[in-house]
């Protein structure tokens, strides 16, 4: 099963875990399984239109999914999927 690394700022929504396995053959399937397990995450990851929030980035083995296959990026059992929240400030 791929391993998810989750931002410490949001670990409250995933039983205070920062790293854990999650099932999914694609990034989209992994997200569906993650949201089935932790439904309170949905408004933090997705806009009301169902589109992934712009400030939320997903990397598979260090590569941003927009450089791969987007949400259709295939996953293997040994993959590391990193969720990262963009920060802005002034």
PDB file of N, CA and C in Angstrom:
ATOM      1  N   UNK A   1       0.834  -1.180   0.000  1.00  0.00           N
ATOM      2  CA  UNK A   1       0.000   0.000   0.000  1.00  0.00           C
ATOM      3  C   UNK A   1       0.882   1.247   0.000  1.00  0.00           C
ATOM      4  N   UNK A   2       0.537   2.246  -0.800  1.00  0.00           N
ATOM      5  CA  UNK A   2       1.306   3.491  -0.759  1.00  0.00           C
ATOM      6  C   UNK A   2       1.268   4.111   0.642  1.00  0.00           C
ATOM      7  N   UNK A   3       2.308   4.839   0.966  1.00  0.00           N
ATOM      8  CA  UNK A   3       2.396   5.546   2.253  1.00  0.00           C
ATOM      9  C   UNK A   3       2.088   7.010   2.012  1.00  0.00           C
ATOM     10  N   UNK A   4       1.204   7.568   2.830  1.00  0.00           N
ATOM     11  CA  UNK A   4       0.879   8.990   2.771  1.00  0.00           C
ATOM     12  C   UNK A   4       1.674   9.707   3.852  1.00  0.00           C
ATOM     13  N   UNK A   5       2.273  10.814   3.463  1.00  0.00           N
ATOM     14  CA  UNK A   5       2.854  11.748   4.438  1.00  0.00           C
ATOM     15  C   UNK A   5       1.941  12.958   4.455  1.00  0.00           C
ATOM     16  N   UNK A   6       1.440  13.266   5.636  1.00  0.00           N
ATOM     17  CA  UNK A   6       0.426  14.295   5.778  1.00  0.00           C
ATOM     18  C   UNK A   6       0.990  15.486   6.538  1.00  0.00           C
ATOM     19  N   UNK A   7       0.574  16.721   6.193  1.00  0.00           N
ATOM     20  CA  UNK A   7       1.105  17.900   6.878  1.00  0.00           C
ATOM     21  C   UNK A   7       0.756  17.893   8.365  1.00  0.00           C
ATOM     22  N   UNK A   8       1.718  18.236   9.179  1.00  0.00           N
ATOM     23  CA  UNK A   8       1.513  18.275  10.627  1.00  0.00           C
ATOM     24  C   UNK A   8       0.372  19.223  10.997  1.00  0.00           C
ATOM     25  N   UNK A   9       0.208  20.298  10.234  1.00  0.00           N
ATOM     26  CA  UNK A   9      -0.859  21.259  10.510  1.00  0.00           C
ATOM     27  C   UNK A   9      -2.252  20.658  10.382  1.00  0.00           C
ATOM     28  N   UNK A  10      -2.375  19.589   9.623  1.00  0.00           N
ATOM     29  CA  UNK A  10      -3.688  18.989   9.389  1.00  0.00           C
ATOM     30  C   UNK A  10      -3.834  17.595   9.984  1.00  0.00           C
ATOM     31  N   UNK A  11      -2.865  17.156  10.760  1.00  0.00           N
ATOM     32  CA  UNK A  11      -2.919  15.791  11.285  1.00  0.00           C
ATOM     33  C   UNK A  11      -4.102  15.549  12.217  1.00  0.00           C
ATOM     34  N   UNK A  12      -4.672  16.623  12.751  1.00  0.00           N
ATOM     35  CA  UNK A  12      -5.859  16.521  13.590  1.00  0.00           C
ATOM     36  C   UNK A  12      -6.969  15.745  12.882  1.00  0.00           C
ATOM     37  N   UNK A  13      -7.086  15.931  11.564  1.00  0.00           N
ATOM     38  CA  UNK A  13      -8.156  15.323  10.780  1.00  0.00           C
ATOM     39  C   UNK A  13      -7.913  13.853  10.451  1.00  0.00           C
ATOM     40  N   UNK A  14      -6.705  13.365  10.702  1.00  0.00           N
ATOM     41  CA  UNK A  14      -6.357  11.975  10.377  1.00  0.00           C
ATOM     42  C   UNK A  14      -5.810  11.247  11.608  1.00  0.00           C
ATOM     43  N   UNK A  15      -6.520  11.405  12.716  1.00  0.00           N
ATOM     44  CA  UNK A  15      -6.164  10.737  13.976  1.00  0.00           C
ATOM     45  C   UNK A  15      -4.742  11.044  14.424  1.00  0.00           C
ATOM     46  N   UNK A  16      -4.312  12.290  14.233  1.00  0.00           N
ATOM     47  CA  UNK A  16      -2.991  12.773  14.659  1.00  0.00           C
ATOM     48  C   UNK A  16      -1.825  11.992  14.059  1.00  0.00           C
ATOM     49  N   UNK A  17      -2.022  11.499  12.849  1.00  0.00           N
ATOM     50  CA  UNK A  17      -0.961  10.775  12.143  1.00  0.00           C
ATOM     51  C   UNK A  17      -0.310  11.710  11.121  1.00  0.00           C
ATOM     52  N   UNK A  18       0.980  11.564  10.939  1.00  0.00           N
ATOM     53  CA  UNK A  18       1.649  12.307   9.875  1.00  0.00           C
ATOM     54  C   UNK A  18       2.103  11.379   8.758  1.00  0.00           C
ATOM     55  N   UNK A  19       2.082  10.072   9.006  1.00  0.00           N
ATOM     56  CA  UNK A  19       2.446   9.106   7.982  1.00  0.00           C
ATOM     57  C   UNK A  19       1.675   7.818   8.236  1.00  0.00           C
ATOM     58  N   UNK A  20       1.046   7.301   7.157  1.00  0.00           N
ATOM     59  CA  UNK A  20       0.261   6.078   7.297  1.00  0.00           C
ATOM     60  C   UNK A  20      -0.018   5.492   5.923  1.00  0.00           C
ATOM     61  N   UNK A  21      -0.277   4.183   5.837  1.00  0.00           N
ATOM     62  CA  UNK A  21      -0.604   3.553   4.552  1.00  0.00           C
ATOM     63  C   UNK A  21      -2.047   3.844   4.164  1.00  0.00           C
ATOM     64  N   UNK A  22      -2.276   3.910   2.856  1.00  0.00           N
ATOM     65  CA  UNK A  22      -3.631   4.101   2.338  1.00  0.00           C
ATOM     66  C   UNK A  22      -3.737   3.389   0.999  1.00  0.00           C
ATOM     67  N   UNK A  23      -4.858   2.747   0.785  1.00  0.00           N
ATOM     68  CA  UNK A  23      -5.071   1.981  -0.447  1.00  0.00           C
ATOM     69  C   UNK A  23      -5.451   2.900  -1.598  1.00  0.00           C
ATOM     70  N   UNK A  24      -5.036   2.487  -2.791  1.00  0.00           N
ATOM     71  CA  UNK A  24      -5.423   3.203  -4.005  1.00  0.00           C
ATOM     72  C   UNK A  24      -4.501   2.864  -5.154  1.00  0.00           C
ATOM     73  N   UNK A  25      -5.094   2.573  -6.305  1.00  0.00           N
ATOM     74  CA  UNK A  25      -4.301   2.296  -7.503  1.00  0.00           C
ATOM     75  C   UNK A  25      -3.956   3.566  -8.264  1.00  0.00           C
ATOM     76  N   UNK A  26      -4.677   4.663  -7.960  1.00  0.00           N
ATOM     77  CA  UNK A  26      -4.388   5.982  -8.524  1.00  0.00           C
ATOM     78  C   UNK A  26      -4.492   6.997  -7.387  1.00  0.00           C
ATOM     79  N   UNK A  27      -4.020   8.209  -7.653  1.00  0.00           N
ATOM     80  CA  UNK A  27      -4.135   9.263  -6.645  1.00  0.00           C
ATOM     81  C   UNK A  27      -5.611   9.527  -6.344  1.00  0.00           C
ATOM     82  N   UNK A  28      -6.463   9.540  -7.363  1.00  0.00           N
ATOM     83  CA  UNK A  28      -7.897   9.778  -7.153  1.00  0.00           C
ATOM     84  C   UNK A  28      -8.506   8.706  -6.254  1.00  0.00           C
ATOM     85  N   UNK A  29      -8.159   7.451  -6.498  1.00  0.00           N
ATOM     86  CA  UNK A  29      -8.685   6.352  -5.680  1.00  0.00           C
ATOM     87  C   UNK A  29      -8.164   6.452  -4.257  1.00  0.00           C
ATOM     88  N   UNK A  30      -6.911   6.804  -4.097  1.00  0.00           N
ATOM     89  CA  UNK A  30      -6.337   6.986  -2.765  1.00  0.00           C
ATOM     90  C   UNK A  30      -7.094   8.092  -2.027  1.00  0.00           C
ATOM     91  N   UNK A  31      -7.384   9.202  -2.713  1.00  0.00           N
ATOM     92  CA  UNK A  31      -8.138  10.295  -2.096  1.00  0.00           C
ATOM     93  C   UNK A  31      -9.545   9.844  -1.711  1.00  0.00           C
ATOM     94  N   UNK A  32     -10.201   9.090  -2.579  1.00  0.00           N
ATOM     95  CA  UNK A  32     -11.539   8.574  -2.263  1.00  0.00           C
ATOM     96  C   UNK A  32     -11.496   7.711  -1.008  1.00  0.00           C
ATOM     97  N   UNK A  33     -10.516   6.834  -0.919  1.00  0.00           N
ATOM     98  CA  UNK A  33     -10.384   5.964   0.255  1.00  0.00           C
ATOM     99  C   UNK A  33     -10.042   6.772   1.501  1.00  0.00           C
ATOM    100  N   UNK A  34      -9.198   7.777   1.344  1.00  0.00           N
ATOM    101  CA  UNK A  34      -8.829   8.637   2.465  1.00  0.00           C
ATOM    102  C   UNK A  34     -10.050   9.388   2.989  1.00  0.00           C
ATOM    103  N   UNK A  35     -10.861   9.930   2.083  1.00  0.00           N
ATOM    104  CA  UNK A  35     -12.053  10.684   2.488  1.00  0.00           C
ATOM    105  C   UNK A  35     -13.143   9.781   3.055  1.00  0.00           C
ATOM    106  N   UNK A  36     -13.195   8.532   2.607  1.00  0.00           N
ATOM    107  CA  UNK A  36     -14.154   7.587   3.196  1.00  0.00           C
ATOM    108  C   UNK A  36     -13.781   7.321   4.655  1.00  0.00           C
ATOM    109  N   UNK A  37     -12.496   7.297   4.921  1.00  0.00           N
ATOM    110  CA  UNK A  37     -11.998   7.034   6.277  1.00  0.00           C
ATOM    111  C   UNK A  37     -12.021   8.290   7.145  1.00  0.00           C
ATOM    112  N   UNK A  38     -11.755   9.458   6.526  1.00  0.00           N
ATOM    113  CA  UNK A  38     -11.681  10.728   7.252  1.00  0.00           C
ATOM    114  C   UNK A  38     -12.506  11.791   6.517  1.00  0.00           C
ATOM    115  N   UNK A  39     -13.828  11.720   6.582  1.00  0.00           N
ATOM    116  CA  UNK A  39     -14.684  12.628   5.809  1.00  0.00           C
ATOM    117  C   UNK A  39     -14.521  14.107   6.169  1.00  0.00           C
ATOM    118  N   UNK A  40     -14.076  14.425   7.363  1.00  0.00           N
ATOM    119  CA  UNK A  40     -13.897  15.830   7.765  1.00  0.00           C
ATOM    120  C   UNK A  40     -12.804  16.524   6.950  1.00  0.00           C
ATOM    121  N   UNK A  41     -11.994  15.750   6.244  1.00  0.00           N
ATOM    122  CA  UNK A  41     -10.928  16.307   5.399  1.00  0.00           C
ATOM    123  C   UNK A  41     -11.445  16.972   4.129  1.00  0.00           C
ATOM    124  N   UNK A  42     -12.569  16.533   3.630  1.00  0.00           N
ATOM    125  CA  UNK A  42     -13.031  16.941   2.297  1.00  0.00           C
ATOM    126  C   UNK A  42     -13.021  18.450   2.067  1.00  0.00           C
ATOM    127  N   UNK A  43     -13.590  19.270   2.955  1.00  0.00           N
ATOM    128  CA  UNK A  43     -13.586  20.709   2.675  1.00  0.00           C
ATOM    129  C   UNK A  43     -12.184  21.328   2.720  1.00  0.00           C
ATOM    130  N   UNK A  44     -11.240  20.654   3.305  1.00  0.00           N
ATOM    131  CA  UNK A  44      -9.869  21.162   3.357  1.00  0.00           C
ATOM    132  C   UNK A  44      -9.074  20.802   2.108  1.00  0.00           C
ATOM    133  N   UNK A  45      -9.489  19.745   1.414  1.00  0.00           N
ATOM    134  CA  UNK A  45      -8.792  19.294   0.217  1.00  0.00           C
ATOM    135  C   UNK A  45      -9.467  19.737  -1.081  1.00  0.00           C
ATOM    136  N   UNK A  46     -10.798  19.857  -1.053  1.00  0.00           N
ATOM    137  CA  UNK A  46     -11.544  20.127  -2.274  1.00  0.00           C
ATOM    138  C   UNK A  46     -12.399  21.376  -2.152  1.00  0.00           C
ATOM    139  N   UNK A  47     -12.521  22.100  -3.274  1.00  0.00           N
ATOM    140  CA  UNK A  47     -13.433  23.235  -3.363  1.00  0.00           C
ATOM    141  C   UNK A  47     -14.859  22.701  -3.464  1.00  0.00           C
ATOM    142  N   UNK A  48     -15.836  23.570  -3.320  1.00  0.00           N
ATOM    143  CA  UNK A  48     -17.239  23.139  -3.408  1.00  0.00           C
ATOM    144  C   UNK A  48     -17.573  22.588  -4.798  1.00  0.00           C
ATOM    145  N   UNK A  49     -16.779  22.930  -5.804  1.00  0.00           N
ATOM    146  CA  UNK A  49     -16.981  22.424  -7.167  1.00  0.00           C
ATOM    147  C   UNK A  49     -16.458  21.002  -7.340  1.00  0.00           C
ATOM    148  N   UNK A  50     -15.747  20.495  -6.332  1.00  0.00           N
ATOM    149  CA  UNK A  50     -15.171  19.156  -6.416  1.00  0.00           C
ATOM    150  C   UNK A  50     -13.733  19.150  -6.908  1.00  0.00           C
ATOM    151  N   UNK A  51     -13.215  20.313  -7.225  1.00  0.00           N
ATOM    152  CA  UNK A  51     -11.842  20.442  -7.713  1.00  0.00           C
ATOM    153  C   UNK A  51     -10.873  20.526  -6.523  1.00  0.00           C
ATOM    154  N   UNK A  52      -9.714  19.890  -6.675  1.00  0.00           N
ATOM    155  CA  UNK A  52      -8.694  19.940  -5.629  1.00  0.00           C
ATOM    156  C   UNK A  52      -8.315  21.391  -5.372  1.00  0.00           C
ATOM    157  N   UNK A  53      -8.230  21.780  -4.105  1.00  0.00           N
ATOM    158  CA  UNK A  53      -7.893  23.164  -3.764  1.00  0.00           C
ATOM    159  C   UNK A  53      -6.533  23.539  -4.334  1.00  0.00           C
ATOM    160  N   UNK A  54      -6.432  24.755  -4.805  1.00  0.00           N
ATOM    161  CA  UNK A  54      -5.225  25.254  -5.461  1.00  0.00           C
ATOM    162  C   UNK A  54      -4.008  25.251  -4.534  1.00  0.00           C
ATOM    163  N   UNK A  55      -4.221  25.522  -3.254  1.00  0.00           N
ATOM    164  CA  UNK A  55      -3.104  25.598  -2.310  1.00  0.00           C
ATOM    165  C   UNK A  55      -2.680  24.231  -1.767  1.00  0.00           C
ATOM    166  N   UNK A  56      -3.361  23.179  -2.199  1.00  0.00           N
ATOM    167  CA  UNK A  56      -3.030  21.840  -1.714  1.00  0.00           C
ATOM    168  C   UNK A  56      -2.272  21.101  -2.811  1.00  0.00           C
ATOM    169  N   UNK A  57      -1.060  20.683  -2.507  1.00  0.00           N
ATOM    170  CA  UNK A  57      -0.197  20.014  -3.482  1.00  0.00           C
ATOM    171  C   UNK A  57      -0.007  18.555  -3.113  1.00  0.00           C
ATOM    172  N   UNK A  58       0.059  17.714  -4.137  1.00  0.00           N
ATOM    173  CA  UNK A  58       0.281  16.283  -3.929  1.00  0.00           C
ATOM    174  C   UNK A  58       1.484  15.869  -4.757  1.00  0.00           C
ATOM    175  N   UNK A  59       2.411  15.176  -4.109  1.00  0.00           N
ATOM    176  CA  UNK A  59       3.621  14.686  -4.748  1.00  0.00           C
ATOM    177  C   UNK A  59       3.664  13.166  -4.632  1.00  0.00           C
ATOM    178  N   UNK A  60       4.086  12.517  -5.687  1.00  0.00           N
ATOM    179  CA  UNK A  60       4.305  11.065  -5.672  1.00  0.00           C
ATOM    180  C   UNK A  60       5.786  10.851  -5.908  1.00  0.00           C
ATOM    181  N   UNK A  61       6.452  10.289  -4.912  1.00  0.00           N
ATOM    182  CA  UNK A  61       7.897  10.046  -4.977  1.00  0.00           C
ATOM    183  C   UNK A  61       8.661  11.312  -5.369  1.00  0.00           C
ATOM    184  N   UNK A  62       8.237  12.437  -4.805  1.00  0.00           N
ATOM    185  CA  UNK A  62       8.941  13.701  -5.019  1.00  0.00           C
ATOM    186  C   UNK A  62       8.530  14.481  -6.251  1.00  0.00           C
ATOM    187  N   UNK A  63       7.621  13.958  -7.080  1.00  0.00           N
ATOM    188  CA  UNK A  63       7.176  14.667  -8.279  1.00  0.00           C
ATOM    189  C   UNK A  63       5.727  15.106  -8.115  1.00  0.00           C
ATOM    190  N   UNK A  64       5.483  16.378  -8.442  1.00  0.00           N
ATOM    191  CA  UNK A  64       4.127  16.915  -8.345  1.00  0.00           C
ATOM    192  C   UNK A  64       3.221  16.178  -9.327  1.00  0.00           C
ATOM    193  N   UNK A  65       1.991  15.877  -8.886  1.00  0.00           N
ATOM    194  CA  UNK A  65       1.097  15.107  -9.753  1.00  0.00           C
ATOM    195  C   UNK A  65       0.748  15.850 -11.041  1.00  0.00           C
ATOM    196  N   UNK A  66       0.850  17.178 -11.049  1.00  0.00           N
ATOM    197  CA  UNK A  66       0.550  17.898 -12.303  1.00  0.00           C
ATOM    198  C   UNK A  66       1.609  17.610 -13.363  1.00  0.00           C
ATOM    199  N   UNK A  67       2.797  17.165 -12.935  1.00  0.00           N
ATOM    200  CA  UNK A  67       3.864  16.778 -13.865  1.00  0.00           C
ATOM    201  C   UNK A  67       3.749  15.304 -14.254  1.00  0.00           C
ATOM    202  N   UNK A  68       2.873  14.594 -13.575  1.00  0.00           N
ATOM    203  CA  UNK A  68       2.669  13.171 -13.843  1.00  0.00           C
ATOM    204  C   UNK A  68       1.333  13.019 -14.565  1.00  0.00           C
ATOM    205  N   UNK A  69       0.410  12.338 -13.977  1.00  0.00           N
ATOM    206  CA  UNK A  69      -0.893  12.137 -14.613  1.00  0.00           C
ATOM    207  C   UNK A  69      -2.035  12.793 -13.875  1.00  0.00           C
ATOM    208  N   UNK A  70      -1.729  13.806 -13.057  1.00  0.00           N
ATOM    209  CA  UNK A  70      -2.780  14.445 -12.269  1.00  0.00           C
ATOM    210  C   UNK A  70      -3.383  13.448 -11.293  1.00  0.00           C
ATOM    211  N   UNK A  71      -4.668  13.561 -11.072  1.00  0.00           N
ATOM    212  CA  UNK A  71      -5.343  12.637 -10.154  1.00  0.00           C
ATOM    213  C   UNK A  71      -5.373  11.210 -10.685  1.00  0.00           C
ATOM    214  N   UNK A  72      -5.122  11.047 -11.976  1.00  0.00           N
ATOM    215  CA  UNK A  72      -5.078   9.713 -12.574  1.00  0.00           C
ATOM    216  C   UNK A  72      -3.692   9.068 -12.478  1.00  0.00           C
ATOM    217  N   UNK A  73      -2.769   9.707 -11.786  1.00  0.00           N
ATOM    218  CA  UNK A  73      -1.424   9.159 -11.624  1.00  0.00           C
ATOM    219  C   UNK A  73      -1.508   7.780 -10.975  1.00  0.00           C
ATOM    220  N   UNK A  74      -0.962   6.759 -11.623  1.00  0.00           N
ATOM    221  CA  UNK A  74      -0.999   5.416 -11.031  1.00  0.00           C
ATOM    222  C   UNK A  74      -0.061   5.318  -9.827  1.00  0.00           C
ATOM    223  N   UNK A  75      -0.452   4.479  -8.883  1.00  0.00           N
ATOM    224  CA  UNK A  75       0.344   4.269  -7.671  1.00  0.00           C
ATOM    225  C   UNK A  75       0.740   2.807  -7.545  1.00  0.00           C
ATOM    226  N   UNK A  76       1.931   2.600  -6.971  1.00  0.00           N
ATOM    227  CA  UNK A  76       2.411   1.252  -6.655  1.00  0.00           C
ATOM    228  C   UNK A  76       2.517   1.144  -5.135  1.00  0.00           C
ATOM    229  N   UNK A  77       2.589  -0.061  -4.642  1.00  0.00           N
ATOM    230  CA  UNK A  77       2.621  -0.306  -3.200  1.00  0.00           C
ATOM    231  C   UNK A  77       3.770   0.402  -2.504  1.00  0.00           C
ATOM    232  N   UNK A  78       4.894   0.576  -3.191  1.00  0.00           N
ATOM    233  CA  UNK A  78       6.066   1.171  -2.544  1.00  0.00           C
ATOM    234  C   UNK A  78       6.138   2.693  -2.670  1.00  0.00           C
ATOM    235  N   UNK A  79       5.120   3.316  -3.273  1.00  0.00           N
ATOM    236  CA  UNK A  79       5.150   4.765  -3.483  1.00  0.00           C
ATOM    237  C   UNK A  79       4.943   5.552  -2.194  1.00  0.00           C
ATOM    238  N   UNK A  80       5.542   6.742  -2.177  1.00  0.00           N
ATOM    239  CA  UNK A  80       5.339   7.708  -1.093  1.00  0.00           C
ATOM    240  C   UNK A  80       4.530   8.849  -1.689  1.00  0.00           C
ATOM    241  N   UNK A  81       3.393   9.119  -1.075  1.00  0.00           N
ATOM    242  CA  UNK A  81       2.520  10.205  -1.527  1.00  0.00           C
ATOM    243  C   UNK A  81       2.559  11.281  -0.448  1.00  0.00           C
ATOM    244  N   UNK A  82       3.040  12.449  -0.838  1.00  0.00           N
ATOM    245  CA  UNK A  82       3.206  13.545   0.119  1.00  0.00           C
ATOM    246  C   UNK A  82       2.153  14.608  -0.156  1.00  0.00           C
ATOM    247  N   UNK A  83       1.403  14.939   0.863  1.00  0.00           N
ATOM    248  CA  UNK A  83       0.406  16.015   0.808  1.00  0.00           C
ATOM    249  C   UNK A  83       1.059  17.241   1.431  1.00  0.00           C
ATOM    250  N   UNK A  84       0.974  18.358   0.731  1.00  0.00           N
ATOM    251  CA  UNK A  84       1.625  19.569   1.215  1.00  0.00           C
ATOM    252  C   UNK A  84       0.702  20.763   1.009  1.00  0.00           C
ATOM    253  N   UNK A  85       0.601  21.596   2.035  1.00  0.00           N
ATOM    254  CA  UNK A  85      -0.201  22.809   1.962  1.00  0.00           C
ATOM    255  C   UNK A  85       0.750  23.967   1.638  1.00  0.00           C
ATOM    256  N   UNK A  86       0.404  24.728   0.598  1.00  0.00           N
ATOM    257  CA  UNK A  86       1.206  25.904   0.258  1.00  0.00           C
ATOM    258  C   UNK A  86       0.966  26.973   1.312  1.00  0.00           C
ATOM    259  N   UNK A  87       2.009  27.704   1.626  1.00  0.00           N
ATOM    260  CA  UNK A  87       1.907  28.788   2.601  1.00  0.00           C
ATOM    261  C   UNK A  87       2.145  30.109   1.890  1.00  0.00           C
ATOM    262  N   UNK A  88       1.451  31.111   2.343  1.00  0.00           N
ATOM    263  CA  UNK A  88       1.640  32.462   1.783  1.00  0.00           C
ATOM    264  C   UNK A  88       1.733  33.424   2.955  1.00  0.00           C
ATOM    265  N   UNK A  89       2.395  34.465   2.733  1.00  0.00           N
ATOM    266  CA  UNK A  89       2.523  35.452   3.799  1.00  0.00           C
ATOM    267  C   UNK A  89       3.157  36.715   3.263  1.00  0.00           C
ATOM    268  N   UNK A  90       3.355  37.622   4.156  1.00  0.00           N
ATOM    269  CA  UNK A  90       3.912  38.887   3.687  1.00  0.00           C
ATOM    270  C   UNK A  90       4.847  39.494   4.668  1.00  0.00           C
TER     271      UNK A  90
END
